[in-house]
């Protein structure tokens, strides 16, 4: 079996070098906390509520690629597929806190939850109030009656977009920002599919393998098992299957207004993504669902995994207003 090829230097330094790349690409608007492997944006002097996130590297631009104007304010970088430490989260929060509290906004994984909770307890002793919203958009990871057990995946970008706009442009308080992020999460759903696995930087083998004509529906972004393995169908049939599951889960229905994300999990070609995007549009139109906006590209990846995910956010008036604000981050520019 062919071994994976990686363009890395010393694999012990990957997250530090990712951090340095983010700072360089930020062109003076992104700053590093080198001793803690965290980044933060240039902060204005106003007293906005701030948003801090974090998670394992390997999913770029999630998480740190959404730091910037109209996005989140700071992010702690964990090792590849590994949670950041409480110390990293604490220092990132201290760097941006402006007196109005901190919203922790990140994916629903046990290690992240434990370390963010520890950070919140320590920051509370310093008089810094923290509240937490965990993204739970992955419909394949638990049934609807166990929403709190679901993983956070590509739909987290929608939460960053709305919460960032609310904090930076409309100066939401911490309680109102928390309520908005919870509402946005409740209205967001994602499902992914993999054509092949990915390999951790130190590994000579992929984290899972599929037969030549096999795909895995509902795959997790760390390679967690999905819903089923099936023979590779025609693209239109596959997308229809995914849209059907998304629409049944919320449910989305006729007259709804949605934002759509067609997310490249790693190494899928843009040509393939456009074919997928075409069918998404046709499927939603046939259901009477109005597409307010569609984003296509890399938003939440899994190293070099071949595959894609579809995320849908159902808008109300408040979320539509916030969505229309500009965002200027490496992961999303609007």
Protein backbone atom coordinates (compact mmCIF):
# COMPACT_ATOMS: atom_id res chain seq x y z
CA UNK A 1 0.00 0.00 0.00
CA UNK A 2 1.28 3.45 -0.91
CA UNK A 3 2.49 5.48 2.07
CA UNK A 4 1.16 9.02 2.58
CA UNK A 5 3.40 11.91 1.59
CA UNK A 6 3.51 15.10 3.66
CA UNK A 7 5.10 18.50 3.13
CA UNK A 8 6.13 19.11 6.73
CA UNK A 9 9.40 19.90 8.44
CA UNK A 10 9.96 18.41 11.88
CA UNK A 11 6.60 16.92 12.82
CA UNK A 12 7.17 18.03 16.43
CA UNK A 13 6.87 21.67 15.30
CA UNK A 14 3.77 21.53 13.10
CA UNK A 15 1.38 23.63 15.19
CA UNK A 16 4.03 26.27 15.90
CA UNK A 17 4.76 26.58 12.19
CA UNK A 18 1.02 26.74 11.43
CA UNK A 19 0.80 29.59 13.95
CA UNK A 20 3.68 31.42 12.27
CA UNK A 21 2.04 30.96 8.87
CA UNK A 22 -1.23 32.40 10.15
CA UNK A 23 0.55 35.44 11.56
CA UNK A 24 2.42 36.09 8.30
CA UNK A 25 -0.74 35.68 6.21
CA UNK A 26 -2.58 38.02 8.61
CA UNK A 27 -0.41 40.90 7.42
CA UNK A 28 -0.04 42.65 10.77
CA UNK A 29 -3.63 42.03 11.94
CA UNK A 30 -2.97 38.65 13.55
CA UNK A 31 -0.57 38.25 16.48
CA UNK A 32 0.99 35.23 18.18
CA UNK A 33 1.47 34.16 21.75
CA UNK A 34 4.46 31.97 20.85
CA UNK A 35 4.98 30.40 24.27
CA UNK A 36 1.35 29.28 24.32
CA UNK A 37 0.79 28.55 20.60
CA UNK A 38 -2.22 30.83 20.33
CA UNK A 39 -3.17 33.73 18.09
CA UNK A 40 -5.37 36.78 18.45
CA UNK A 41 -6.50 39.64 16.26
CA UNK A 42 -5.65 43.32 16.61
CA UNK A 43 -8.23 44.46 19.11
CA UNK A 44 -10.01 47.84 19.01
CA UNK A 45 -10.28 49.91 22.16
CA UNK A 46 -14.00 49.36 22.65
CA UNK A 47 -15.32 47.04 25.32
CA UNK A 48 -16.86 44.33 23.20
CA UNK A 49 -17.58 40.83 24.43
CA UNK A 50 -14.86 38.61 22.96
CA UNK A 51 -14.99 35.16 21.35
CA UNK A 52 -12.27 32.59 21.98
CA UNK A 53 -12.04 29.22 20.30
CA UNK A 54 -9.58 26.39 19.97
CA UNK A 55 -9.08 22.83 18.87
CA UNK A 56 -6.70 20.41 17.30
CA UNK A 57 -4.63 21.38 14.29
CA UNK A 58 -5.23 19.51 11.05
CA UNK A 59 -8.67 21.01 10.35
CA UNK A 60 -7.52 24.32 8.87
CA UNK A 61 -8.94 26.89 8.47
CA UNK A 62 -10.95 25.66 11.46
CA UNK A 63 -10.26 26.85 14.08
CA UNK A 64 -7.63 29.59 14.03
CA UNK A 65 -8.26 30.60 10.42
CA UNK A 66 -11.44 32.37 11.51
CA UNK A 67 -9.65 34.89 13.74
CA UNK A 68 -10.08 38.38 12.38
CA UNK A 69 -12.51 41.15 11.50
CA UNK A 70 -16.06 39.83 11.65
CA UNK A 71 -14.87 36.50 13.03
CA UNK A 72 -13.54 35.31 16.36
CA UNK A 73 -11.00 37.18 18.45
CA UNK A 74 -8.51 34.54 19.60
CA UNK A 75 -7.76 30.86 19.22
CA UNK A 76 -5.60 28.24 20.93
CA UNK A 77 -3.93 25.70 18.64
CA UNK A 78 -3.69 22.10 19.81
CA UNK A 79 -1.40 19.49 18.35
CA UNK A 80 -2.80 17.67 15.31
CA UNK A 81 -6.21 16.23 16.24
CA UNK A 82 -5.49 17.06 19.92
CA UNK A 83 -7.16 19.53 22.27
CA UNK A 84 -5.35 22.71 23.34
CA UNK A 85 -4.37 22.91 26.99
CA UNK A 86 -6.11 25.06 29.62
CA UNK A 87 -3.02 27.30 29.78
CA UNK A 88 -3.26 28.06 26.07
CA UNK A 89 -6.94 28.92 26.35
CA UNK A 90 -6.35 31.10 29.41
CA UNK A 91 -3.59 33.12 27.77
CA UNK A 92 -5.58 33.59 24.56
CA UNK A 93 -8.53 34.84 26.61
CA UNK A 94 -6.38 37.23 28.65
CA UNK A 95 -4.91 38.67 25.45
CA UNK A 96 -8.27 39.84 24.12
CA UNK A 97 -10.52 40.32 27.17
CA UNK A 98 -11.99 43.82 27.24
CA UNK A 99 -14.02 43.73 30.44
CA UNK A 100 -17.28 42.37 29.03
CA UNK A 101 -16.67 38.66 29.32
CA UNK A 102 -15.59 35.83 27.04
CA UNK A 103 -17.66 33.45 24.95
CA UNK A 104 -15.97 30.09 24.41
CA UNK A 105 -17.16 28.77 21.04
CA UNK A 106 -15.77 25.45 19.81
CA UNK A 107 -16.59 21.91 18.67
CA UNK A 108 -18.18 19.37 20.99
CA UNK A 109 -15.32 17.00 21.85
CA UNK A 110 -14.59 15.65 25.32
CA UNK A 111 -10.99 16.84 25.57
CA UNK A 112 -11.85 20.33 24.38
CA UNK A 113 -14.77 20.53 26.79
CA UNK A 114 -12.69 19.48 29.78
CA UNK A 115 -9.87 21.93 29.06
CA UNK A 116 -12.13 24.89 28.25
CA UNK A 117 -14.09 24.23 31.47
CA UNK A 118 -10.85 24.25 33.49
CA UNK A 119 -9.84 27.50 31.81
CA UNK A 120 -13.23 29.05 32.60
CA UNK A 121 -12.87 28.20 36.30
CA UNK A 122 -9.41 29.76 36.52
CA UNK A 123 -10.45 32.88 34.59
CA UNK A 124 -13.49 33.27 36.85
CA UNK A 125 -11.13 33.52 39.83
CA UNK A 126 -9.57 36.52 38.06
CA UNK A 127 -12.98 38.15 37.59
CA UNK A 128 -13.30 37.20 33.91
CA UNK A 129 -16.73 35.72 33.21
CA UNK A 130 -16.79 32.97 30.57
CA UNK A 131 -19.75 31.27 28.95
CA UNK A 132 -19.62 28.29 26.60
CA UNK A 133 -21.39 27.20 23.42
CA UNK A 134 -20.35 23.93 21.79
CA UNK A 135 -21.19 23.25 18.14
CA UNK A 136 -23.21 20.06 17.67
CA UNK A 137 -24.04 20.15 13.96
CA UNK A 138 -22.91 16.65 12.87
CA UNK A 139 -26.14 14.70 12.37
CA UNK A 140 -24.29 11.40 11.91
CA UNK A 141 -22.75 11.35 15.38
CA UNK A 142 -25.91 10.97 17.48
CA UNK A 143 -29.71 10.93 16.97
CA UNK A 144 -31.76 14.14 17.35
CA UNK A 145 -32.86 13.25 20.87
CA UNK A 146 -29.18 13.30 21.92
CA UNK A 147 -28.18 16.60 20.35
CA UNK A 148 -25.74 17.37 23.17
CA UNK A 149 -23.72 14.28 22.20
CA UNK A 150 -23.22 15.36 18.60
CA UNK A 151 -19.84 16.48 17.30
CA UNK A 152 -19.10 19.96 15.99
CA UNK A 153 -17.83 20.00 12.40
CA UNK A 154 -18.13 22.28 9.35
CA UNK A 155 -21.20 24.14 10.60
CA UNK A 156 -19.05 25.80 13.25
CA UNK A 157 -18.02 28.34 10.61
CA UNK A 158 -21.60 29.66 10.53
CA UNK A 159 -21.50 30.12 14.31
CA UNK A 160 -18.21 32.02 14.05
CA UNK A 161 -19.69 34.25 11.34
CA UNK A 162 -22.85 35.17 13.23
CA UNK A 163 -21.33 35.49 16.68
CA UNK A 164 -18.39 37.50 15.35
CA UNK A 165 -20.72 39.97 13.67
CA UNK A 166 -22.89 40.24 16.78
CA UNK A 167 -19.91 40.91 19.05
CA UNK A 168 -17.89 43.23 16.83
CA UNK A 169 -20.52 45.21 14.95
CA UNK A 170 -23.56 45.19 17.24
CA UNK A 171 -21.77 44.83 20.60
CA UNK A 172 -23.94 42.08 22.03
CA UNK A 173 -23.55 41.48 25.74
CA UNK A 174 -22.23 38.10 26.90
CA UNK A 175 -25.71 36.68 27.70
CA UNK A 176 -27.19 37.82 24.38
CA UNK A 177 -24.16 36.58 22.45
CA UNK A 178 -24.44 33.19 24.15
CA UNK A 179 -28.14 33.02 23.28
CA UNK A 180 -27.46 33.88 19.64
CA UNK A 181 -24.73 31.25 19.31
CA UNK A 182 -27.01 28.61 20.86
CA UNK A 183 -29.80 29.54 18.46
CA UNK A 184 -27.49 29.43 15.45
CA UNK A 185 -26.20 26.04 16.53
CA UNK A 186 -29.78 24.77 16.91
CA UNK A 187 -30.49 25.83 13.31
CA UNK A 188 -27.33 24.30 11.77
CA UNK A 189 -26.89 20.76 10.43
CA UNK A 190 -23.96 18.99 8.72
CA UNK A 191 -23.25 15.62 7.14
CA UNK A 192 -20.00 14.45 5.53
CA UNK A 193 -18.76 11.68 3.26
CA UNK A 194 -15.27 10.24 2.75
CA UNK A 195 -13.73 8.58 -0.28
CA UNK A 196 -10.46 7.87 1.54
CA UNK A 197 -8.79 8.32 4.91
CA UNK A 198 -6.08 10.67 6.09
CA UNK A 199 -2.76 10.08 7.83
CA UNK A 200 -1.43 11.73 10.96
CA UNK A 201 1.88 13.49 10.31
CA UNK A 202 3.94 10.94 12.25
CA UNK A 203 2.17 7.95 10.67
CA UNK A 204 3.11 5.87 7.66
CA UNK A 205 -0.46 4.62 7.23
CA UNK A 206 -3.91 6.11 6.72
CA UNK A 207 -6.24 6.18 9.73
CA UNK A 208 -8.78 4.07 7.85
CA UNK A 209 -9.11 2.49 4.43
CA UNK A 210 -12.01 1.99 2.05
CA UNK A 211 -12.41 -0.43 -0.81
CA UNK A 212 -11.79 0.92 -4.31
CA UNK A 213 -15.48 1.54 -5.01
CA UNK A 214 -16.57 2.29 -1.43
CA UNK A 215 -17.41 5.48 0.47
CA UNK A 216 -18.29 6.16 4.10
CA UNK A 217 -21.35 8.33 4.75
CA UNK A 218 -21.35 10.35 7.97
CA UNK A 219 -17.60 10.20 8.55
CA UNK A 220 -16.15 12.26 11.42
CA UNK A 221 -13.38 14.78 10.89
CA UNK A 222 -10.92 12.62 12.85
CA UNK A 223 -11.97 9.49 11.00
CA UNK A 224 -14.69 8.55 13.48
CA UNK A 225 -16.98 5.85 12.04
CA UNK A 226 -19.90 7.13 10.01
CA UNK A 227 -23.41 5.87 9.40
CA UNK A 228 -22.61 3.28 6.75
CA UNK A 229 -20.23 2.19 4.03
CA UNK A 230 -21.80 1.90 0.60
CA UNK A 231 -20.69 1.48 -3.03
CA UNK A 232 -19.87 4.84 -4.61
CA UNK A 233 -23.11 6.07 -6.23
CA UNK A 234 -23.57 8.70 -8.92
CA UNK A 235 -22.82 12.14 -7.50
CA UNK A 236 -26.41 13.34 -7.86
CA UNK A 237 -27.68 10.30 -5.98
CA UNK A 238 -25.13 10.79 -3.20
CA UNK A 239 -25.93 14.49 -2.75
CA UNK A 240 -29.66 13.78 -2.79
CA UNK A 241 -29.15 11.18 -0.07
CA UNK A 242 -27.24 13.71 2.06
CA UNK A 243 -29.74 16.54 1.52
CA UNK A 244 -32.59 14.18 2.40
CA UNK A 245 -30.94 13.35 5.73
CA UNK A 246 -30.22 17.02 6.51
CA UNK A 247 -33.75 18.14 5.68
CA UNK A 248 -35.29 15.38 7.78
CA UNK A 249 -33.16 16.18 10.81
CA UNK A 250 -33.98 19.84 11.53
CA UNK A 251 -36.32 19.64 9.59
CA UNK A 252 -35.76 22.10 6.75
CA UNK A 253 -38.84 22.66 4.61
CA UNK A 254 -40.62 24.67 1.94
CA UNK A 255 -40.25 28.41 2.42
CA UNK A 256 -37.15 28.19 4.60
CA UNK A 257 -34.23 30.49 3.85
CA UNK A 258 -30.84 28.81 4.25
CA UNK A 259 -27.13 29.40 3.93
CA UNK A 260 -25.20 26.47 2.49
CA UNK A 261 -21.58 25.40 2.91
CA UNK A 262 -20.02 22.88 0.54
CA UNK A 263 -16.85 22.01 2.43
CA UNK A 264 -13.80 20.24 1.04
CA UNK A 265 -12.58 17.78 3.68
CA UNK A 266 -9.09 17.91 2.20
CA UNK A 267 -8.09 16.73 -1.24
CA UNK A 268 -11.23 16.73 -3.36
CA UNK A 269 -10.86 18.68 -6.62
CA UNK A 270 -12.73 21.95 -7.16
CA UNK A 271 -14.29 20.39 -10.27
CA UNK A 272 -15.91 17.72 -8.11
CA UNK A 273 -17.06 20.33 -5.58
CA UNK A 274 -18.80 22.29 -8.34
CA UNK A 275 -20.68 19.19 -9.48
CA UNK A 276 -21.75 18.63 -5.87
CA UNK A 277 -22.75 22.28 -5.48
CA UNK A 278 -24.87 22.13 -8.65
CA UNK A 279 -26.90 19.24 -7.26
CA UNK A 280 -27.30 20.89 -3.85
CA UNK A 281 -28.94 23.84 -5.57
CA UNK A 282 -31.26 21.63 -7.60
CA UNK A 283 -32.27 19.57 -4.55
CA UNK A 284 -33.08 22.60 -2.40
CA UNK A 285 -35.00 24.30 -5.22
CA UNK A 286 -37.10 21.17 -5.72
CA UNK A 287 -38.03 21.31 -2.02
CA UNK A 288 -38.98 24.98 -2.15
CA UNK A 289 -36.06 25.95 0.10
CA UNK A 290 -34.53 29.34 -0.75
CA UNK A 291 -30.74 29.57 -0.83
CA UNK A 292 -29.70 32.91 0.68
CA UNK A 293 -25.97 32.29 0.27
CA UNK A 294 -23.63 29.46 -0.62
CA UNK A 295 -19.96 29.07 0.33
CA UNK A 296 -17.74 26.55 -1.46
CA UNK A 297 -14.19 25.69 -0.39
CA UNK A 298 -12.06 24.55 2.54
CA UNK A 299 -13.70 25.45 5.86
CA UNK A 300 -13.21 22.41 8.10
CA UNK A 301 -10.75 19.85 6.79
CA UNK A 302 -9.31 16.55 7.93
CA UNK A 303 -5.71 16.79 6.69
CA UNK A 304 -5.70 15.20 3.20
CA UNK A 305 -8.94 13.21 3.51
CA UNK A 306 -10.77 12.97 0.20
CA UNK A 307 -14.41 13.86 0.68
CA UNK A 308 -16.78 16.70 1.44
CA UNK A 309 -19.41 17.82 3.90
CA UNK A 310 -22.62 19.77 3.47
CA UNK A 311 -23.79 22.26 6.10
CA UNK A 312 -27.07 24.16 6.17
CA UNK A 313 -28.05 27.08 8.41
CA UNK A 314 -31.72 28.09 8.57
CA UNK A 315 -31.97 31.86 8.90
CA UNK A 316 -34.35 34.05 10.82
CA UNK A 317 -34.37 37.86 10.64
CA UNK A 318 -31.72 38.31 13.33
CA UNK A 319 -29.32 35.77 11.84
CA UNK A 320 -29.83 37.14 8.32
CA UNK A 321 -28.97 40.66 9.52
CA UNK A 322 -25.80 39.43 11.22
CA UNK A 323 -24.82 37.22 8.29
CA UNK A 324 -24.75 40.27 6.01
CA UNK A 325 -21.93 41.97 7.92
CA UNK A 326 -18.47 41.71 6.37
CA UNK A 327 -15.90 39.16 7.49
CA UNK A 328 -12.21 39.28 6.66
CA UNK A 329 -10.39 36.19 7.90
CA UNK A 330 -8.17 33.64 6.21
CA UNK A 331 -10.95 31.07 6.36
CA UNK A 332 -13.81 33.26 5.14
CA UNK A 333 -13.89 36.62 3.38
CA UNK A 334 -17.15 38.36 2.59
